[in-house]
PDB file of all heavy atoms in Angstrom:
ATOM      1  N   PHE A   1       5.885   1.323  -9.038  1.00  0.00           N
ATOM      2  CA  PHE A   1       5.889   2.512  -8.266  1.00  0.00           C
ATOM      3  C   PHE A   1       5.659   3.766  -9.275  1.00  0.00           C
ATOM      4  O   PHE A   1       4.980   4.739  -8.905  1.00  0.00           O
ATOM      5  CB  PHE A   1       7.099   2.797  -7.376  1.00  0.00           C
ATOM      6  CG  PHE A   1       6.859   3.819  -6.322  1.00  0.00           C
ATOM      7  CD1 PHE A   1       5.955   3.629  -5.280  1.00  0.00           C
ATOM      8  CD2 PHE A   1       7.449   5.075  -6.478  1.00  0.00           C
ATOM      9  CE1 PHE A   1       5.855   4.642  -4.307  1.00  0.00           C
ATOM     10  CE2 PHE A   1       7.293   6.094  -5.516  1.00  0.00           C
ATOM     11  CZ  PHE A   1       6.492   5.886  -4.338  1.00  0.00           C
ATOM     12  N   ARG A   2       6.251   3.673 -10.443  1.00  0.00           N
ATOM     13  CA  ARG A   2       6.070   4.818 -11.402  1.00  0.00           C
ATOM     14  C   ARG A   2       4.520   4.836 -11.826  1.00  0.00           C
ATOM     15  O   ARG A   2       4.048   5.993 -11.901  1.00  0.00           O
ATOM     16  CB  ARG A   2       6.873   4.458 -12.679  1.00  0.00           C
ATOM     17  CG  ARG A   2       8.376   4.778 -12.502  1.00  0.00           C
ATOM     18  CD  ARG A   2       9.050   4.471 -13.885  1.00  0.00           C
ATOM     19  NE  ARG A   2      10.426   4.884 -13.923  1.00  0.00           N
ATOM     20  CZ  ARG A   2      10.833   6.074 -14.368  1.00  0.00           C
ATOM     21  NH1 ARG A   2       9.940   6.886 -14.809  1.00  0.00           N
ATOM     22  NH2 ARG A   2      12.037   6.376 -14.361  1.00  0.00           N
ATOM     23  N   SER A   3       3.932   3.712 -11.922  1.00  0.00           N
ATOM     24  CA  SER A   3       2.471   3.747 -12.284  1.00  0.00           C
ATOM     25  C   SER A   3       1.635   4.281 -11.099  1.00  0.00           C
ATOM     26  O   SER A   3       0.738   5.078 -11.322  1.00  0.00           O
ATOM     27  CB  SER A   3       1.921   2.319 -12.631  1.00  0.00           C
ATOM     28  OG  SER A   3       2.689   1.902 -13.747  1.00  0.00           O
ATOM     29  N   ILE A   4       2.018   3.885  -9.908  1.00  0.00           N
ATOM     30  CA  ILE A   4       1.320   4.363  -8.735  1.00  0.00           C
ATOM     31  C   ILE A   4       1.526   5.946  -8.624  1.00  0.00           C
ATOM     32  O   ILE A   4       0.486   6.681  -8.492  1.00  0.00           O
ATOM     33  CB  ILE A   4       1.979   3.786  -7.405  1.00  0.00           C
ATOM     34  CG1 ILE A   4       1.610   2.375  -7.253  1.00  0.00           C
ATOM     35  CG2 ILE A   4       1.593   4.621  -6.192  1.00  0.00           C
ATOM     36  CD1 ILE A   4       0.074   2.151  -6.813  1.00  0.00           C
ATOM     37  N   CYS A   5       2.673   6.447  -8.974  1.00  0.00           N
ATOM     38  CA  CYS A   5       2.862   7.939  -9.054  1.00  0.00           C
ATOM     39  C   CYS A   5       2.028   8.520 -10.154  1.00  0.00           C
ATOM     40  O   CYS A   5       1.383   9.605  -9.907  1.00  0.00           O
ATOM     41  CB  CYS A   5       4.308   8.214  -9.227  1.00  0.00           C
ATOM     42  SG  CYS A   5       5.334   7.875  -7.849  1.00  0.00           S
ATOM     43  N   SER A   6       1.959   7.980 -11.221  1.00  0.00           N
ATOM     44  CA  SER A   6       1.174   8.533 -12.420  1.00  0.00           C
ATOM     45  C   SER A   6      -0.209   8.636 -12.131  1.00  0.00           C
ATOM     46  O   SER A   6      -1.001   9.425 -12.533  1.00  0.00           O
ATOM     47  CB  SER A   6       1.375   7.732 -13.695  1.00  0.00           C
ATOM     48  OG  SER A   6       0.700   6.462 -13.683  1.00  0.00           O
ATOM     49  N   LEU A   7      -0.694   7.686 -11.155  1.00  0.00           N
ATOM     50  CA  LEU A   7      -2.137   7.686 -10.753  1.00  0.00           C
ATOM     51  C   LEU A   7      -2.423   8.578  -9.555  1.00  0.00           C
ATOM     52  O   LEU A   7      -3.540   8.619  -9.067  1.00  0.00           O
ATOM     53  CB  LEU A   7      -2.581   6.201 -10.408  1.00  0.00           C
ATOM     54  CG  LEU A   7      -2.622   5.195 -11.577  1.00  0.00           C
ATOM     55  CD1 LEU A   7      -2.867   3.840 -11.067  1.00  0.00           C
ATOM     56  CD2 LEU A   7      -3.666   5.647 -12.556  1.00  0.00           C
ATOM     57  N   GLY A   8      -1.392   9.124  -9.068  1.00  0.00           N
ATOM     58  CA  GLY A   8      -1.449   9.988  -7.863  1.00  0.00           C
ATOM     59  C   GLY A   8      -1.795   9.241  -6.468  1.00  0.00           C
ATOM     60  O   GLY A   8      -2.332   9.758  -5.625  1.00  0.00           O
ATOM     61  N   GLU A   9      -1.306   7.957  -6.451  1.00  0.00           N
ATOM     62  CA  GLU A   9      -1.714   7.218  -5.362  1.00  0.00           C
ATOM     63  C   GLU A   9      -0.530   6.851  -4.443  1.00  0.00           C
ATOM     64  O   GLU A   9      -0.635   6.069  -3.516  1.00  0.00           O
ATOM     65  CB  GLU A   9      -2.218   5.768  -5.882  1.00  0.00           C
ATOM     66  CG  GLU A   9      -3.478   5.963  -6.649  1.00  0.00           C
ATOM     67  CD  GLU A   9      -3.920   4.592  -7.251  1.00  0.00           C
ATOM     68  OE1 GLU A   9      -3.307   3.547  -6.984  1.00  0.00           O
ATOM     69  OE2 GLU A   9      -4.910   4.474  -7.944  1.00  0.00           O
ATOM     70  N   GLU A  10       0.656   7.609  -4.627  1.00  0.00           N
ATOM     71  CA  GLU A  10       1.797   7.156  -3.823  1.00  0.00           C
ATOM     72  C   GLU A  10       1.595   7.435  -2.281  1.00  0.00           C
ATOM     73  O   GLU A  10       2.044   6.641  -1.476  1.00  0.00           O
ATOM     74  CB  GLU A  10       3.023   7.894  -4.304  1.00  0.00           C
ATOM     75  CG  GLU A  10       3.053   9.414  -4.293  1.00  0.00           C
ATOM     76  CD  GLU A  10       2.353  10.043  -5.566  1.00  0.00           C
ATOM     77  OE1 GLU A  10       1.665   9.378  -6.332  1.00  0.00           O
ATOM     78  OE2 GLU A  10       2.713  11.147  -5.795  1.00  0.00           O
ATOM     79  N   ALA A  11       0.868   8.560  -1.950  1.00  0.00           N
ATOM     80  CA  ALA A  11       0.716   8.851  -0.593  1.00  0.00           C
ATOM     81  C   ALA A  11      -0.213   7.757   0.079  1.00  0.00           C
ATOM     82  O   ALA A  11      -0.021   7.312   1.162  1.00  0.00           O
ATOM     83  CB  ALA A  11       0.035  10.234  -0.430  1.00  0.00           C
ATOM     84  N   HIS A  12      -1.214   7.375  -0.704  1.00  0.00           N
ATOM     85  CA  HIS A  12      -2.120   6.388  -0.199  1.00  0.00           C
ATOM     86  C   HIS A  12      -1.448   5.024  -0.032  1.00  0.00           C
ATOM     87  O   HIS A  12      -1.599   4.360   1.091  1.00  0.00           O
ATOM     88  CB  HIS A  12      -3.376   6.206  -1.066  1.00  0.00           C
ATOM     89  CG  HIS A  12      -4.318   5.150  -0.651  1.00  0.00           C
ATOM     90  ND1 HIS A  12      -5.228   5.443   0.287  1.00  0.00           N
ATOM     91  CD2 HIS A  12      -4.524   3.837  -1.059  1.00  0.00           C
ATOM     92  CE1 HIS A  12      -5.994   4.323   0.495  1.00  0.00           C
ATOM     93  NE2 HIS A  12      -5.567   3.377  -0.240  1.00  0.00           N
ATOM     94  N   LEU A  13      -0.643   4.690  -1.021  1.00  0.00           N
ATOM     95  CA  LEU A  13       0.111   3.427  -0.927  1.00  0.00           C
ATOM     96  C   LEU A  13       1.053   3.422   0.315  1.00  0.00           C
ATOM     97  O   LEU A  13       1.078   2.469   1.161  1.00  0.00           O
ATOM     98  CB  LEU A  13       0.949   3.250  -2.152  1.00  0.00           C
ATOM     99  CG  LEU A  13       2.078   2.089  -2.080  1.00  0.00           C
ATOM    100  CD1 LEU A  13       1.403   0.742  -1.976  1.00  0.00           C
ATOM    101  CD2 LEU A  13       2.903   2.187  -3.289  1.00  0.00           C
ATOM    102  N   ASN A  14       1.736   4.522   0.473  1.00  0.00           N
ATOM    103  CA  ASN A  14       2.670   4.680   1.687  1.00  0.00           C
ATOM    104  C   ASN A  14       1.904   4.513   2.915  1.00  0.00           C
ATOM    105  O   ASN A  14       2.461   3.921   3.867  1.00  0.00           O
ATOM    106  CB  ASN A  14       3.473   5.966   1.548  1.00  0.00           C
ATOM    107  CG  ASN A  14       4.503   5.873   0.439  1.00  0.00           C
ATOM    108  OD1 ASN A  14       4.969   4.883  -0.064  1.00  0.00           O
ATOM    109  ND2 ASN A  14       4.947   7.068  -0.041  1.00  0.00           N
ATOM    110  N   THR A  15       0.831   5.205   3.047  1.00  0.00           N
ATOM    111  CA  THR A  15       0.046   5.158   4.297  1.00  0.00           C
ATOM    112  C   THR A  15      -0.445   3.752   4.557  1.00  0.00           C
ATOM    113  O   THR A  15      -0.403   3.187   5.776  1.00  0.00           O
ATOM    114  CB  THR A  15      -1.148   6.168   4.282  1.00  0.00           C
ATOM    115  OG1 THR A  15      -0.621   7.474   3.957  1.00  0.00           O
ATOM    116  CG2 THR A  15      -1.842   6.136   5.524  1.00  0.00           C
ATOM    117  N   CYS A  16      -0.922   3.037   3.630  1.00  0.00           N
ATOM    118  CA  CYS A  16      -1.518   1.711   3.725  1.00  0.00           C
ATOM    119  C   CYS A  16      -0.380   0.813   4.204  1.00  0.00           C
ATOM    120  O   CYS A  16      -0.455  -0.002   5.119  1.00  0.00           O
ATOM    121  CB  CYS A  16      -2.127   1.168   2.483  1.00  0.00           C
ATOM    122  SG  CYS A  16      -3.699   1.922   2.090  1.00  0.00           S
ATOM    123  N   PHE A  17       0.768   0.945   3.584  1.00  0.00           N
ATOM    124  CA  PHE A  17       1.888   0.076   3.787  1.00  0.00           C
ATOM    125  C   PHE A  17       2.517   0.352   5.209  1.00  0.00           C
ATOM    126  O   PHE A  17       2.833  -0.579   5.939  1.00  0.00           O
ATOM    127  CB  PHE A  17       3.019   0.208   2.808  1.00  0.00           C
ATOM    128  CG  PHE A  17       4.305  -0.724   3.083  1.00  0.00           C
ATOM    129  CD1 PHE A  17       4.086  -2.034   2.985  1.00  0.00           C
ATOM    130  CD2 PHE A  17       5.500  -0.151   3.309  1.00  0.00           C
ATOM    131  CE1 PHE A  17       5.137  -2.947   3.247  1.00  0.00           C
ATOM    132  CE2 PHE A  17       6.571  -0.996   3.549  1.00  0.00           C
ATOM    133  CZ  PHE A  17       6.363  -2.454   3.528  1.00  0.00           C
ATOM    134  N   LYS A  18       2.592   1.646   5.670  1.00  0.00           N
ATOM    135  CA  LYS A  18       3.070   2.018   6.952  1.00  0.00           C
ATOM    136  C   LYS A  18       2.133   1.388   7.968  1.00  0.00           C
ATOM    137  O   LYS A  18       2.627   0.804   9.031  1.00  0.00           O
ATOM    138  CB  LYS A  18       3.128   3.538   7.074  1.00  0.00           C
ATOM    139  CG  LYS A  18       3.726   3.972   8.404  1.00  0.00           C
ATOM    140  CD  LYS A  18       3.930   5.546   8.298  1.00  0.00           C
ATOM    141  CE  LYS A  18       4.566   5.962   9.564  1.00  0.00           C
ATOM    142  NZ  LYS A  18       4.803   7.465   9.553  1.00  0.00           N
ATOM    143  N   HIS A  19       0.852   1.518   7.826  1.00  0.00           N
ATOM    144  CA  HIS A  19      -0.136   0.860   8.771  1.00  0.00           C
ATOM    145  C   HIS A  19       0.105  -0.568   8.789  1.00  0.00           C
ATOM    146  O   HIS A  19       0.073  -1.215   9.925  1.00  0.00           O
ATOM    147  CB  HIS A  19      -1.523   1.275   8.263  1.00  0.00           C
ATOM    148  CG  HIS A  19      -2.636   0.852   9.144  1.00  0.00           C
ATOM    149  ND1 HIS A  19      -4.010   0.632   8.750  1.00  0.00           N
ATOM    150  CD2 HIS A  19      -2.640   0.355  10.474  1.00  0.00           C
ATOM    151  CE1 HIS A  19      -4.652   0.255   9.732  1.00  0.00           C
ATOM    152  NE2 HIS A  19      -3.926  -0.002  10.840  1.00  0.00           N
ATOM    153  N   PHE A  20       0.295  -1.212   7.653  1.00  0.00           N
ATOM    154  CA  PHE A  20       0.492  -2.677   7.590  1.00  0.00           C
ATOM    155  C   PHE A  20       1.716  -3.060   8.319  1.00  0.00           C
ATOM    156  O   PHE A  20       1.658  -4.016   9.177  1.00  0.00           O
ATOM    157  CB  PHE A  20       0.488  -3.125   6.026  1.00  0.00           C
ATOM    158  CG  PHE A  20       0.860  -4.563   5.898  1.00  0.00           C
ATOM    159  CD1 PHE A  20      -0.205  -5.480   5.722  1.00  0.00           C
ATOM    160  CD2 PHE A  20       2.116  -5.071   5.686  1.00  0.00           C
ATOM    161  CE1 PHE A  20       0.054  -6.872   5.513  1.00  0.00           C
ATOM    162  CE2 PHE A  20       2.401  -6.324   5.430  1.00  0.00           C
ATOM    163  CZ  PHE A  20       1.388  -7.277   5.342  1.00  0.00           C
ATOM    164  N   MET A  21       2.822  -2.345   8.164  1.00  0.00           N
ATOM    165  CA  MET A  21       3.941  -2.656   8.814  1.00  0.00           C
ATOM    166  C   MET A  21       3.976  -2.484  10.355  1.00  0.00           C
ATOM    167  O   MET A  21       4.460  -3.278  11.184  1.00  0.00           O
ATOM    168  CB  MET A  21       5.176  -1.904   8.194  1.00  0.00           C
ATOM    169  CG  MET A  21       5.622  -2.484   6.874  1.00  0.00           C
ATOM    170  SD  MET A  21       5.894  -4.292   6.949  1.00  0.00           S
ATOM    171  CE  MET A  21       6.932  -4.524   8.332  1.00  0.00           C
ATOM    172  N   TYR A  22       3.329  -1.411  10.795  1.00  0.00           N
ATOM    173  CA  TYR A  22       3.150  -1.237  12.218  1.00  0.00           C
ATOM    174  C   TYR A  22       2.404  -2.266  12.819  1.00  0.00           C
ATOM    175  O   TYR A  22       2.818  -2.843  13.969  1.00  0.00           O
ATOM    176  CB  TYR A  22       2.348   0.155  12.524  1.00  0.00           C
ATOM    177  CG  TYR A  22       3.343   1.287  12.696  1.00  0.00           C
ATOM    178  CD1 TYR A  22       3.158   2.451  11.847  1.00  0.00           C
ATOM    179  CD2 TYR A  22       4.306   1.443  13.685  1.00  0.00           C
ATOM    180  CE1 TYR A  22       4.009   3.565  11.976  1.00  0.00           C
ATOM    181  CE2 TYR A  22       5.085   2.510  13.810  1.00  0.00           C
ATOM    182  CZ  TYR A  22       4.960   3.584  12.961  1.00  0.00           C
ATOM    183  OH  TYR A  22       5.703   4.664  13.212  1.00  0.00           O
ATOM    184  N   PHE A  23       1.370  -2.767  12.177  1.00  0.00           N
ATOM    185  CA  PHE A  23       0.567  -3.893  12.778  1.00  0.00           C
ATOM    186  C   PHE A  23       1.403  -5.209  12.791  1.00  0.00           C
ATOM    187  O   PHE A  23       1.385  -5.936  13.698  1.00  0.00           O
ATOM    188  CB  PHE A  23      -0.724  -4.087  11.984  1.00  0.00           C
ATOM    189  CG  PHE A  23      -1.709  -5.025  12.637  1.00  0.00           C
ATOM    190  CD1 PHE A  23      -2.666  -4.403  13.490  1.00  0.00           C
ATOM    191  CD2 PHE A  23      -1.767  -6.301  12.311  1.00  0.00           C
ATOM    192  CE1 PHE A  23      -3.590  -5.263  14.176  1.00  0.00           C
ATOM    193  CE2 PHE A  23      -2.664  -7.181  12.928  1.00  0.00           C
ATOM    194  CZ  PHE A  23      -3.596  -6.623  13.885  1.00  0.00           C
ATOM    195  N   THR A  24       2.074  -5.418  11.514  1.00  0.00           N
ATOM    196  CA  THR A  24       2.947  -6.561  11.421  1.00  0.00           C
ATOM    197  C   THR A  24       4.031  -6.671  12.624  1.00  0.00           C
ATOM    198  O   THR A  24       4.234  -7.658  13.205  1.00  0.00           O
ATOM    199  CB  THR A  24       3.620  -6.469  10.088  1.00  0.00           C
ATOM    200  OG1 THR A  24       2.621  -6.702   9.098  1.00  0.00           O
ATOM    201  CG2 THR A  24       4.655  -7.716   9.967  1.00  0.00           C
ATOM    202  N   GLN A  25       4.614  -5.566  12.865  1.00  0.00           N
ATOM    203  CA  GLN A  25       5.764  -5.531  13.879  1.00  0.00           C
ATOM    204  C   GLN A  25       5.068  -5.625  15.323  1.00  0.00           C
ATOM    205  O   GLN A  25       5.680  -6.361  16.199  1.00  0.00           O
ATOM    206  CB  GLN A  25       6.513  -4.241  13.831  1.00  0.00           C
ATOM    207  CG  GLN A  25       7.322  -4.189  12.604  1.00  0.00           C
ATOM    208  CD  GLN A  25       8.274  -3.029  12.456  1.00  0.00           C
ATOM    209  OE1 GLN A  25       8.048  -2.055  13.235  1.00  0.00           O
ATOM    210  NE2 GLN A  25       9.205  -3.027  11.542  1.00  0.00           N
ATOM    211  N   ALA A  26       3.895  -5.057  15.510  1.00  0.00           N
ATOM    212  CA  ALA A  26       3.327  -5.124  16.797  1.00  0.00           C
ATOM    213  C   ALA A  26       2.996  -6.538  17.239  1.00  0.00           C
ATOM    214  O   ALA A  26       3.079  -6.893  18.367  1.00  0.00           O
ATOM    215  CB  ALA A  26       2.042  -4.247  16.901  1.00  0.00           C
TER     216      ALA A  26
END
């Protein structure tokens, strides 16, 4: 996660994972 932050990708990671989890739960 530190590397993700250093690349400025944390918002993108969180959005992708949130979408993944909504679909997984549905």
